[in-house]
Protein backbone atom coordinates (compact mmCIF):
# COMPACT_ATOMS: atom_id res chain seq x y z
CA MET A 1 109.36 135.08 97.23
CA PHE A 2 107.11 135.04 100.24
CA GLY A 3 104.53 132.83 101.88
CA LEU A 4 102.95 131.51 105.03
CA MET A 5 103.89 128.29 106.83
CA MET A 6 102.23 126.38 109.67
CA MET A 7 104.37 123.82 111.49
CA GLY A 8 102.59 120.76 112.91
CA GLY A 9 99.31 119.05 112.15
CA MET A 10 96.28 120.54 110.45
CA PRO A 11 92.82 119.14 111.18
CA GLY A 12 91.70 116.89 108.36
CA VAL A 13 95.00 117.03 106.45
CA ALA A 14 97.56 114.25 106.19
CA LEU A 15 100.99 115.89 106.18
CA ASP A 16 102.97 115.32 103.01
CA PRO A 17 106.47 114.02 103.86
CA THR A 18 107.91 115.98 100.92
CA GLY A 19 107.01 119.24 102.65
CA ASP A 20 105.04 120.44 99.63
CA THR A 21 101.67 122.11 99.91
CA PRO A 22 98.75 119.68 99.44
CA ASP A 23 96.85 120.27 96.24
CA GLU A 24 94.69 118.39 93.77
CA GLN A 25 96.80 119.07 90.68
CA SER A 26 99.87 117.37 92.14
CA GLY A 27 97.91 114.37 93.32
CA ARG A 28 98.74 115.05 96.96
CA THR A 29 96.35 114.74 99.86
CA VAL A 30 93.56 117.26 100.31
CA PRO A 31 91.25 117.60 103.30
CA GLU A 32 87.62 116.60 103.14
CA PRO A 33 84.81 116.40 105.68
CA GLU A 34 84.50 113.15 107.59
CA ALA A 35 81.63 111.56 109.49
CA SER A 36 82.02 111.53 113.24
CA GLY A 37 81.97 108.51 115.49
CA ASN A 38 84.27 105.77 116.66
CA ALA A 39 85.91 103.96 113.75
CA ARG A 40 85.09 100.45 114.89
CA SER A 41 81.76 100.87 116.65
CA GLU A 42 79.75 103.06 114.26
CA PRO A 43 79.09 101.29 110.94
CA SER A 44 78.16 103.24 107.85
CA PRO A 45 74.48 103.24 106.83
CA PRO A 46 73.41 99.90 105.36
CA LEU A 47 73.42 99.66 101.58
CA ASP A 48 70.24 98.75 99.74
CA ALA A 49 70.65 95.31 98.18
CA SER A 50 68.25 96.22 95.36
CA ARG A 51 70.58 98.97 94.14
CA PRO A 52 73.45 98.28 91.72
CA ASP A 53 76.01 98.83 94.50
CA ARG A 54 75.80 95.17 95.52
CA LYS A 55 79.38 94.85 94.21
CA LEU A 56 80.51 97.22 96.96
CA GLN A 57 78.54 95.25 99.54
CA ASN A 58 80.23 92.05 98.40
CA LEU A 59 83.68 93.65 98.52
CA ARG A 60 83.03 95.04 102.01
CA ALA A 61 82.02 91.60 103.28
CA PHE A 62 85.08 90.00 101.71
CA ALA A 63 87.32 92.73 103.14
CA ARG A 64 86.07 92.14 106.68
CA LEU A 65 86.43 88.36 106.54
CA TYR A 66 89.85 88.76 104.91
CA GLY A 67 91.18 90.75 107.87
CA TYR A 68 89.75 88.45 110.54
CA VAL A 69 91.16 85.30 108.96
CA ARG A 70 94.53 86.75 107.92
CA TYR A 71 95.41 88.25 111.29
CA PHE A 72 93.54 86.19 113.87
CA HIS A 73 92.74 82.70 112.54
CA PRO A 74 95.83 80.56 113.29
CA SER A 75 95.60 77.67 110.80
CA ASP A 76 98.83 76.62 109.10
CA ALA A 77 97.13 76.70 105.68
CA ALA A 78 96.17 80.35 106.25
CA ALA A 79 99.69 81.25 107.39
CA GLU A 80 101.14 79.72 104.22
CA THR A 81 98.81 81.66 101.92
CA ASP A 82 99.98 84.47 99.65
CA TRP A 83 97.56 87.02 101.08
CA ASP A 84 98.31 89.73 98.50
CA ALA A 85 97.40 87.39 95.65
CA PHE A 86 94.43 86.11 97.68
CA ALA A 87 93.08 89.67 97.96
CA VAL A 88 93.22 90.12 94.17
CA HIS A 89 91.68 86.70 93.51
CA GLY A 90 88.92 87.24 96.07
CA ALA A 91 88.04 90.69 94.75
CA ARG A 92 87.52 89.15 91.33
CA GLN A 93 85.42 86.27 92.65
CA VAL A 94 82.93 88.19 94.81
CA ALA A 95 82.35 91.13 92.46
CA ASP A 96 79.47 89.61 90.47
CA ASP A 97 77.60 87.71 93.19
CA GLU A 98 73.91 88.59 92.92
CA GLY A 99 72.58 87.93 96.40
CA PRO A 100 73.64 86.91 99.91
CA ALA A 101 73.34 83.21 99.07
CA ASP A 102 75.70 83.59 96.11
CA LEU A 103 78.13 85.63 98.20
CA ARG A 104 78.09 83.07 100.99
CA ALA A 105 78.88 80.28 98.55
CA THR A 106 81.78 82.26 97.07
CA LEU A 107 83.22 83.15 100.47
CA ASP A 108 82.95 79.50 101.53
CA SER A 109 84.82 78.37 98.42
CA LEU A 110 87.53 80.98 98.98
CA PHE A 111 88.18 80.45 102.67
CA ALA A 112 87.31 76.78 103.28
CA PRO A 113 90.63 75.43 101.90
CA ILE A 114 92.71 77.61 104.24
CA ALA A 115 90.29 78.13 107.16
CA PRO A 116 87.87 75.18 107.17
CA THR A 117 86.77 75.79 110.77
CA VAL A 118 85.53 79.32 109.99
CA GLN A 119 81.72 79.19 109.72
CA LEU A 120 79.38 81.58 107.91
CA TYR A 121 75.76 81.99 109.00
CA LYS A 122 72.81 84.37 108.67
CA THR A 123 73.19 87.34 110.97
CA ASP A 124 69.59 87.08 112.21
CA GLY A 125 70.16 83.46 113.26
CA GLN A 126 72.15 81.75 116.00
CA PRO A 127 75.86 81.06 115.52
CA PRO A 128 76.46 77.39 114.64
CA ALA A 129 78.04 74.95 117.05
CA PRO A 130 81.84 75.17 116.69
CA PRO A 131 83.48 72.18 114.95
CA ASP A 132 84.46 69.30 117.23
CA VAL A 133 88.07 69.58 116.03
CA LEU A 134 88.44 72.75 118.13
CA THR A 135 88.11 70.82 121.38
CA PRO A 136 89.23 67.19 120.84
CA ALA A 137 88.58 64.79 123.70
CA ASP A 138 92.22 63.73 123.88
CA THR A 139 94.76 66.54 123.72
CA THR A 140 97.78 64.43 124.61
CA GLY A 141 100.76 65.54 122.53
CA LEU A 142 98.85 68.45 121.00
CA ASN A 143 99.94 72.10 120.98
CA LEU A 144 97.55 75.03 120.98
CA VAL A 145 98.29 77.48 118.16
CA ALA A 146 97.03 81.06 118.34
CA TRP A 147 98.03 84.51 117.09
CA GLN A 148 99.60 87.17 119.27
CA HIS A 149 100.37 90.67 118.01
CA GLU A 150 102.49 93.46 119.44
CA GLY A 151 101.51 95.82 116.68
CA LEU A 152 101.78 94.28 113.23
CA GLY A 153 105.07 92.47 112.62
CA LEU A 154 106.32 92.96 109.06
CA ALA A 155 109.65 91.12 108.66
CA ASP A 156 111.49 93.12 111.33
CA ARG A 157 110.76 96.51 109.82
CA GLY A 158 110.31 98.15 113.19
CA PRO A 159 109.66 97.55 116.87
CA TYR A 160 106.54 95.44 116.21
CA GLU A 161 106.11 91.68 116.22
CA SER A 162 103.49 89.13 115.27
CA ALA A 163 103.74 85.46 116.22
CA ARG A 164 101.75 82.27 116.42
CA LEU A 165 102.22 80.20 119.56
CA HIS A 166 104.23 77.03 118.87
CA ARG A 167 105.13 78.33 115.42
CA ARG A 168 108.05 80.21 113.89
CA SER A 169 107.74 83.93 114.51
CA GLU A 170 106.31 85.88 111.60
CA SER A 171 108.86 88.66 112.16
CA SER A 172 112.52 87.90 112.67
CA ASP A 173 114.49 88.94 115.74
CA GLY A 174 117.58 89.34 113.57
CA GLY A 175 118.02 90.95 110.16
CA ASP A 176 115.46 90.48 107.46
CA PHE A 177 117.87 88.87 105.00
CA GLY A 178 120.50 86.16 104.99
CA THR A 179 123.52 86.42 102.70
CA VAL A 180 126.69 84.54 101.74
CA THR A 181 129.91 86.29 100.78
CA GLN A 182 133.20 85.62 99.06
CA SER A 183 135.88 88.13 98.06
CA VAL A 184 139.02 88.38 95.90
CA ASP A 185 141.94 90.79 95.69
CA ALA A 186 141.04 93.65 93.35
CA ALA A 187 144.61 94.83 92.62
CA PRO A 188 145.14 92.62 89.50
CA HIS A 189 141.83 93.83 88.04
CA ARG A 190 141.96 97.59 88.59
CA GLY A 191 140.55 99.64 85.73
CA LYS A 192 138.70 96.65 84.28
CA GLN A 193 135.07 95.74 83.92
CA VAL A 194 133.83 93.01 86.26
CA ARG A 195 130.88 90.66 85.84
CA LEU A 196 129.19 88.36 88.36
CA ARG A 197 127.09 85.46 87.10
CA ALA A 198 125.16 82.75 88.96
CA ALA A 199 122.20 80.41 88.62
CA VAL A 200 119.33 81.05 91.05
CA ARG A 201 115.91 79.62 91.81
CA THR A 202 113.53 80.21 94.72
CA ASP A 203 110.75 78.69 96.80
CA VAL A 204 109.06 81.90 97.95
CA LYS A 205 105.54 83.29 98.20
CA GLY A 206 104.28 86.73 99.08
CA THR A 207 105.47 90.24 98.37
CA GLY A 208 108.98 91.08 99.57
CA ASN A 209 110.21 87.49 99.78
CA GLN A 210 112.91 87.15 97.11
CA ALA A 211 116.49 86.28 96.16
CA GLN A 212 119.13 88.68 94.84
CA LEU A 213 122.74 88.62 93.71
CA TRP A 214 125.12 91.38 94.80
CA LEU A 215 128.51 92.73 93.69
CA ARG A 216 130.63 95.37 95.44
CA VAL A 217 134.03 96.95 94.83
CA ASP A 218 135.82 98.37 97.89
CA ARG A 219 138.34 101.16 97.34
CA ALA A 220 141.54 101.75 99.31
CA SER A 221 140.65 105.42 99.64
CA GLY A 222 137.53 104.55 101.58
CA LYS A 223 135.36 106.18 98.93
CA ASP A 224 132.37 104.36 97.51
CA GLY A 225 133.07 101.95 94.71
CA PHE A 226 130.71 100.08 92.40
CA PHE A 227 127.77 98.38 94.09
CA ALA A 228 124.66 96.64 92.76
CA ASN A 229 122.31 94.09 94.33
CA MET A 230 119.49 93.55 91.80
CA ARG A 231 117.11 95.57 93.91
CA ASP A 232 115.18 96.55 90.80
CA ARG A 233 114.90 92.97 89.51
CA PRO A 234 114.36 90.57 92.42
CA ILE A 235 114.34 86.84 91.76
CA THR A 236 111.16 84.91 92.59
CA GLU A 237 111.09 82.26 89.85
CA PRO A 238 110.90 78.58 90.92
CA ASP A 239 113.07 77.32 88.04
CA TRP A 240 116.82 77.66 87.60
CA ALA A 241 117.86 80.68 85.53
CA ARG A 242 121.14 82.56 85.15
CA TYR A 243 121.48 86.18 86.27
CA GLN A 244 124.33 88.67 86.12
CA ILE A 245 125.62 92.02 87.38
CA THR A 246 128.22 94.07 85.47
CA GLY A 247 130.28 96.91 86.90
CA THR A 248 133.74 98.53 86.95
CA VAL A 249 136.80 98.10 89.18
CA ALA A 250 138.16 101.45 90.35
CA GLU A 251 141.85 102.29 89.87
CA ASP A 252 142.34 102.26 93.66
CA ALA A 253 140.14 99.20 94.34
CA SER A 254 141.22 96.90 97.15
CA ARG A 255 138.67 94.07 97.24
CA ILE A 256 135.88 92.69 95.06
CA LEU A 257 133.10 91.19 97.16
CA PHE A 258 130.08 89.28 95.89
CA GLY A 259 127.42 86.76 96.84
CA GLY A 260 123.70 86.11 97.01
CA PHE A 261 121.01 86.57 99.61
CA LEU A 262 117.44 85.69 100.56
CA ARG A 263 115.26 88.56 101.72
CA GLY A 264 112.31 87.66 103.93
CA ARG A 265 110.90 84.15 104.10
CA GLY A 266 111.04 81.06 101.92
CA THR A 267 114.17 79.43 100.46
CA ALA A 268 116.69 80.66 97.88
CA HIS A 269 119.01 78.32 95.96
CA PHE A 270 122.28 79.35 94.25
CA ASP A 271 124.71 77.50 91.98
CA ALA A 272 127.51 78.00 89.43
CA PHE A 273 128.95 81.35 90.56
CA ARG A 274 131.37 82.96 88.05
CA LEU A 275 133.36 86.17 88.45
CA GLN A 276 134.87 87.52 85.23
CA VAL A 277 136.87 90.58 84.18
CA ARG A 278 137.88 92.23 80.90
CA ASP A 279 139.58 95.40 79.74
CA SER A 280 137.30 98.40 80.01
CA SER A 281 137.64 98.93 76.26
CA GLY A 282 136.01 95.57 75.61
CA GLY A 283 137.39 92.20 74.69
CA THR A 284 137.07 88.67 76.02
CA TRP A 285 135.84 87.96 79.55
CA THR A 286 138.37 86.09 81.70
CA ASP A 287 137.40 83.96 84.70
CA VAL A 288 138.67 84.91 88.15
CA SER A 289 139.52 81.93 90.35
CA LEU A 290 136.92 81.34 93.09
CA GLU A 291 136.75 78.85 95.92
CA ASN A 292 133.95 76.27 95.75
CA ALA A 293 132.01 78.27 93.16
CA GLY A 294 129.76 75.28 92.39
CA PHE A 295 129.40 74.09 96.03
CA GLU A 296 130.80 70.64 95.26
CA THR A 297 133.35 70.82 98.10
CA GLY A 298 131.96 69.53 101.39
CA ALA A 299 129.04 67.34 102.36
CA ALA A 300 125.34 68.03 101.93
CA GLY A 301 123.77 69.63 105.00
CA GLU A 302 126.96 71.48 105.98
CA SER A 303 127.90 75.13 105.57
CA PRO A 304 129.59 75.64 102.19
CA THR A 305 133.40 75.72 102.22
CA GLY A 306 134.91 79.02 101.09
CA TRP A 307 131.83 81.13 101.79
CA ARG A 308 131.04 83.32 104.77
CA GLY A 309 127.44 83.74 105.90
CA ARG A 310 125.55 86.41 107.76
CA PRO A 311 123.66 83.94 109.93
CA ASN A 312 121.50 85.79 112.46
CA SER A 313 118.15 84.09 111.83
CA TYR A 314 119.11 82.33 108.56
CA ALA A 315 120.76 79.00 107.80
CA PHE A 316 123.15 78.27 104.91
CA GLN A 317 123.85 74.76 103.73
CA THR A 318 125.03 72.70 100.80
CA THR A 319 122.14 70.80 99.23
CA GLN A 320 122.33 67.70 97.05
CA GLY A 321 119.78 67.36 94.26
CA ASP A 322 118.73 69.00 91.02
CA ALA A 323 121.78 71.21 90.60
CA VAL A 324 122.60 73.29 87.54
CA GLU A 325 126.10 71.82 87.43
CA ALA A 326 127.17 68.51 89.03
CA GLN A 327 125.28 67.48 92.21
CA HIS A 328 125.32 70.26 94.81
CA PHE A 329 124.08 73.82 95.26
CA LEU A 330 123.63 76.34 98.08
CA SER A 331 120.34 76.86 99.97
CA ILE A 332 119.48 79.79 102.26
CA ALA A 333 116.40 79.67 104.49
CA PRO A 334 115.22 81.23 107.77
CA THR A 335 116.00 79.24 110.88
CA GLU A 336 113.06 77.95 112.88
CA THR A 337 112.41 80.11 115.92
CA THR A 338 109.38 79.18 117.98
CA PRO A 339 107.63 81.45 120.47
CA GLY A 340 106.51 78.28 122.31
CA PRO A 341 104.06 78.33 125.18
CA ALA A 342 105.44 81.57 126.66
CA GLY A 343 104.57 83.61 123.58
CA LEU A 344 104.97 87.36 123.34
CA PHE A 345 102.85 88.12 126.43
CA PRO A 346 100.68 86.17 128.92
CA ALA A 347 97.25 86.80 127.38
CA ARG A 348 96.19 84.39 124.63
CA PRO A 349 93.02 82.74 123.27
CA THR A 350 91.84 79.56 124.98
CA ALA A 351 90.94 76.22 123.40
CA GLY A 352 87.63 76.45 121.54
CA GLU A 353 87.47 80.24 121.74
CA THR A 354 85.79 81.92 118.76
CA ALA A 355 84.88 85.43 117.67
CA THR A 356 81.60 86.24 115.89
CA ARG A 357 81.59 89.23 113.55
CA SER A 358 79.06 90.72 111.14
CA LEU A 359 80.26 90.91 107.53
CA GLY A 360 77.30 92.70 105.93
CA ARG A 361 74.71 91.51 103.40
CA GLY A 362 73.00 89.57 106.18
CA LEU A 363 76.04 87.36 106.79
CA SER A 364 78.15 86.84 109.88
CA ALA A 365 81.22 84.73 110.55
CA GLN A 366 82.36 82.66 113.49
CA ILE A 367 86.16 82.61 113.55
CA PRO A 368 88.14 80.20 115.77
CA LEU A 369 91.00 82.02 117.52
CA ALA A 370 92.89 78.90 118.65
CA LEU A 371 93.54 75.55 116.98
CA TYR A 372 95.21 72.40 118.23
CA SER A 373 98.19 71.12 116.29
CA ARG A 374 99.56 67.61 115.84
CA GLU A 375 102.97 66.88 114.29
CA GLY A 376 103.39 70.41 112.99
CA GLN A 377 99.93 70.81 111.41
CA THR A 378 96.85 72.45 112.84
CA LEU A 379 93.89 70.07 113.00
CA ARG A 380 91.31 70.20 110.19
CA PRO A 381 87.89 68.58 109.74
CA ASP A 382 88.10 65.33 107.79
CA ASP A 383 86.03 66.74 104.91
CA ALA A 384 88.01 69.98 104.59
CA PRO A 385 89.10 70.75 101.01
CA SER A 386 92.84 70.72 100.32
CA PRO A 387 94.50 74.14 100.00
CA ASP A 388 96.71 72.95 97.12
CA ARG A 389 94.29 73.92 94.36
CA LEU A 390 93.78 77.39 95.84
CA HIS A 391 97.52 77.93 96.21
CA ASN A 392 98.01 76.95 92.55
CA THR A 393 95.35 79.47 91.58
CA LEU A 394 97.12 82.18 93.59
CA ASP A 395 100.44 81.34 91.94
CA ALA A 396 98.78 82.08 88.58
CA VAL A 397 97.73 85.59 89.68
CA GLN A 398 101.27 86.85 88.87
CA MET A 399 101.27 89.87 91.15
CA GLY A 400 104.46 91.26 89.61
CA LYS A 401 102.74 91.79 86.27
CA LEU A 402 99.69 93.66 87.60
CA SER A 403 99.36 97.44 87.62
CA ALA A 404 96.82 100.02 88.69
CA ALA A 405 95.09 99.45 85.35
CA ASP A 406 93.73 96.21 86.85
CA GLU A 407 90.60 96.97 88.86
CA ALA A 408 91.00 93.88 91.05
CA LEU A 409 94.47 95.03 92.11
CA ARG A 410 93.16 98.49 93.06
CA LEU A 411 90.32 97.01 95.10
CA ALA A 412 92.69 94.50 96.73
CA ASP A 413 95.13 97.28 97.69
CA VAL A 414 92.31 99.16 99.40
CA LEU A 415 91.08 96.21 101.45
CA ILE A 416 94.64 95.23 102.45
CA ALA A 417 95.49 98.74 103.65
CA TRP A 418 92.11 99.26 105.32
CA ASN A 419 92.49 96.08 107.38
CA VAL A 420 95.96 97.02 108.64
CA PHE A 421 94.55 100.23 110.14
CA GLN A 422 91.28 98.60 111.19
CA HIS A 423 93.05 96.09 113.41
CA PHE A 424 96.34 97.78 114.35
CA TYR A 425 95.95 101.57 114.26
CA PRO A 426 96.24 102.63 117.93
CA TYR A 427 94.49 106.02 117.87
CA PHE A 428 90.90 105.36 116.87
CA GLU A 429 89.79 106.22 120.39
CA VAL A 430 91.12 109.75 119.97
CA VAL A 431 90.64 110.27 116.22
CA ASP A 432 87.03 111.16 115.51
CA THR A 433 86.39 109.33 112.23
CA ASN A 434 84.17 106.65 110.75
CA TRP A 435 86.72 104.17 109.40
CA ASP A 436 84.00 101.80 108.22
CA GLN A 437 82.63 104.53 105.99
CA VAL A 438 86.12 105.20 104.65
CA LEU A 439 86.20 101.63 103.30
CA THR A 440 83.03 102.16 101.26
CA ARG A 441 84.10 105.52 99.90
CA THR A 442 87.62 104.37 99.01
CA LEU A 443 86.36 101.26 97.21
CA GLN A 444 84.03 103.49 95.17
CA ARG A 445 86.89 105.77 94.20
CA ALA A 446 89.25 102.90 93.42
CA GLU A 447 86.64 101.34 91.15
CA ALA A 448 86.34 104.59 89.20
CA ASP A 449 90.09 105.28 88.90
CA THR A 450 91.63 104.98 85.43
CA SER A 451 95.35 105.58 86.07
CA SER A 452 98.11 105.03 88.60
CA ARG A 453 98.06 108.72 89.49
CA ASP A 454 94.28 108.63 90.11
CA PHE A 455 94.67 105.61 92.34
CA LEU A 456 97.61 107.19 94.17
CA ARG A 457 95.34 110.13 95.02
CA THR A 458 92.62 107.70 96.20
CA LEU A 459 94.96 105.93 98.61
CA ARG A 460 96.28 109.24 99.93
CA ARG A 461 92.74 110.44 100.54
CA MET A 462 92.08 107.20 102.40
CA LEU A 463 94.67 108.18 105.01
CA VAL A 464 93.36 111.72 105.57
CA PRO A 465 90.71 110.78 108.19
CA LEU A 466 93.42 109.22 110.38
CA LYS A 467 94.94 112.69 110.91
CA ASP A 468 98.37 111.13 111.30
CA GLY A 469 101.44 112.64 109.65
CA HIS A 470 103.30 109.31 109.85
CA GLY A 471 101.17 107.85 107.04
CA GLY A 472 102.06 108.25 103.40
CA VAL A 473 101.61 106.60 100.00
CA SER A 474 104.23 106.60 97.26
CA HIS A 475 104.38 105.36 93.66
CA PRO A 476 106.81 105.82 90.75
CA ALA A 477 104.04 107.63 88.90
CA ASP A 478 104.50 110.50 91.34
CA SER A 479 108.27 110.70 90.93
CA LEU A 480 109.78 113.81 89.37
CA THR A 481 113.30 112.38 89.19
CA ALA A 482 115.06 110.44 86.45
CA GLY A 483 118.55 109.16 85.75
CA LEU A 484 120.79 109.28 82.70
CA PRO A 485 121.95 105.88 81.34
CA LEU A 486 125.57 106.97 81.85
CA GLN A 487 128.39 105.85 84.12
CA PHE A 488 131.03 108.42 85.08
CA ASP A 489 134.65 108.15 86.23
CA ARG A 490 137.58 110.49 86.86
CA VAL A 491 140.41 110.28 84.32
CA GLU A 492 143.48 112.51 84.61
CA GLY A 493 141.62 114.89 86.85
CA ASN A 494 138.58 115.19 84.59
CA VAL A 495 135.12 113.69 84.97
CA VAL A 496 134.35 111.65 81.87
CA VAL A 497 131.66 109.27 80.63
CA ALA A 498 133.11 105.80 81.24
CA ASP A 499 130.21 103.76 79.94
CA THR A 500 126.83 104.21 78.30
CA ALA A 501 123.51 102.44 77.95
CA ALA A 502 125.00 99.27 76.50
CA SER A 503 126.29 98.13 79.90
CA ALA A 504 123.26 99.42 81.78
CA ALA A 505 120.92 97.52 79.45
CA ALA A 506 122.84 94.32 80.09
CA GLN A 507 122.12 94.66 83.81
CA SER A 508 118.41 95.50 83.57
């Protein structure tokens, strides 16, 4: 075997983190010529409105307004929006608009409920006068809310942070999950099967915000024991439902630990925990005694007796209300941390400050960058439509059930990813590429894709012009690994199959 290797970057090629050679057949990134020019100052040639590519023009306009409002308009209604679902919904709504007037009406209907002070106008005209609510005559008792970004904060996944002044930080200073724990002695249950059950419901929105149960068996030898945390089946449902995890207790097990946690933002509710064991050969499940398994011990509003929490930036309390059993249940939610007037750094938008940006198709937008807030809510014009109906529509999108077979999801993925780089990629001044043109080309490819693997290749090609080996796109469709539905153990010095698909199916 022989070959040739080059270490380091190659012009026009995004390095594959697997170390494999880029090629078309595998679906990995391949180089292609790019237009020159600064990414944010040189727009692609205007599209002819009389041609059938008006759909692309509409999507480009929606993509631009999406990024400006999501990352820079500070209204509370916008901050509470499920932006992933909004991208899918918006891509569906603007696709068939015939002309600029139709597009403007659709964009107004989409954004007015969450950003009623954002104004659309004809690019060849003068920007409209900003709404009076931006600069009220009396600001006594009002706080000025505005975005600040040190990079893009994504739930404490790195050294970056995003925050709104006088609002809870969008990325946590502590861990990105809050969990409660209880444990029991494993010695009486060695060699048995163990099952954790609990009722869970959530108040969460947005990708990555979810609840999970977890079960772990610690071994006296220090070797890894059974562990599962429902990573492959996160809980996001708003109604009570029962979930379970089944595993085995090793012959040298010392402790059985279990609990539930909230990942990200929102609130997770837990009730009616049960830990059960049975002989590994089958038989009847037997309950293991737990302390305060139904959270009926202690008063509402207090930390639950018998449970330990990983607090950091999360709060754990007993809640009284619509419980599964009796009157109480456990709630986990992020604690309120407020950047306040100091913020992340001294620079910030001033009262009444707006940004005007061209969207395409003869439309421009005027976006307020700062809003006054009274009693925890940013001020809105009196005639602003309520965001409730829009949020209900977004709840019905059911992001978890969509796949790359859905064109709107593919187009939404493109505009989400494009905006992250458009507003937060730090190297456009040194990378000679036309990022605006990349948006058009990638939308065209995404529209034509017919499979997950096609779309995976499209997204990988999208990153090529950035010439940055840190970027990558992954999808299960590209995985060459698989697992057997078997569970192994060591018996009398031999490795044997301890369980088969029956137990695995019960968990998933």
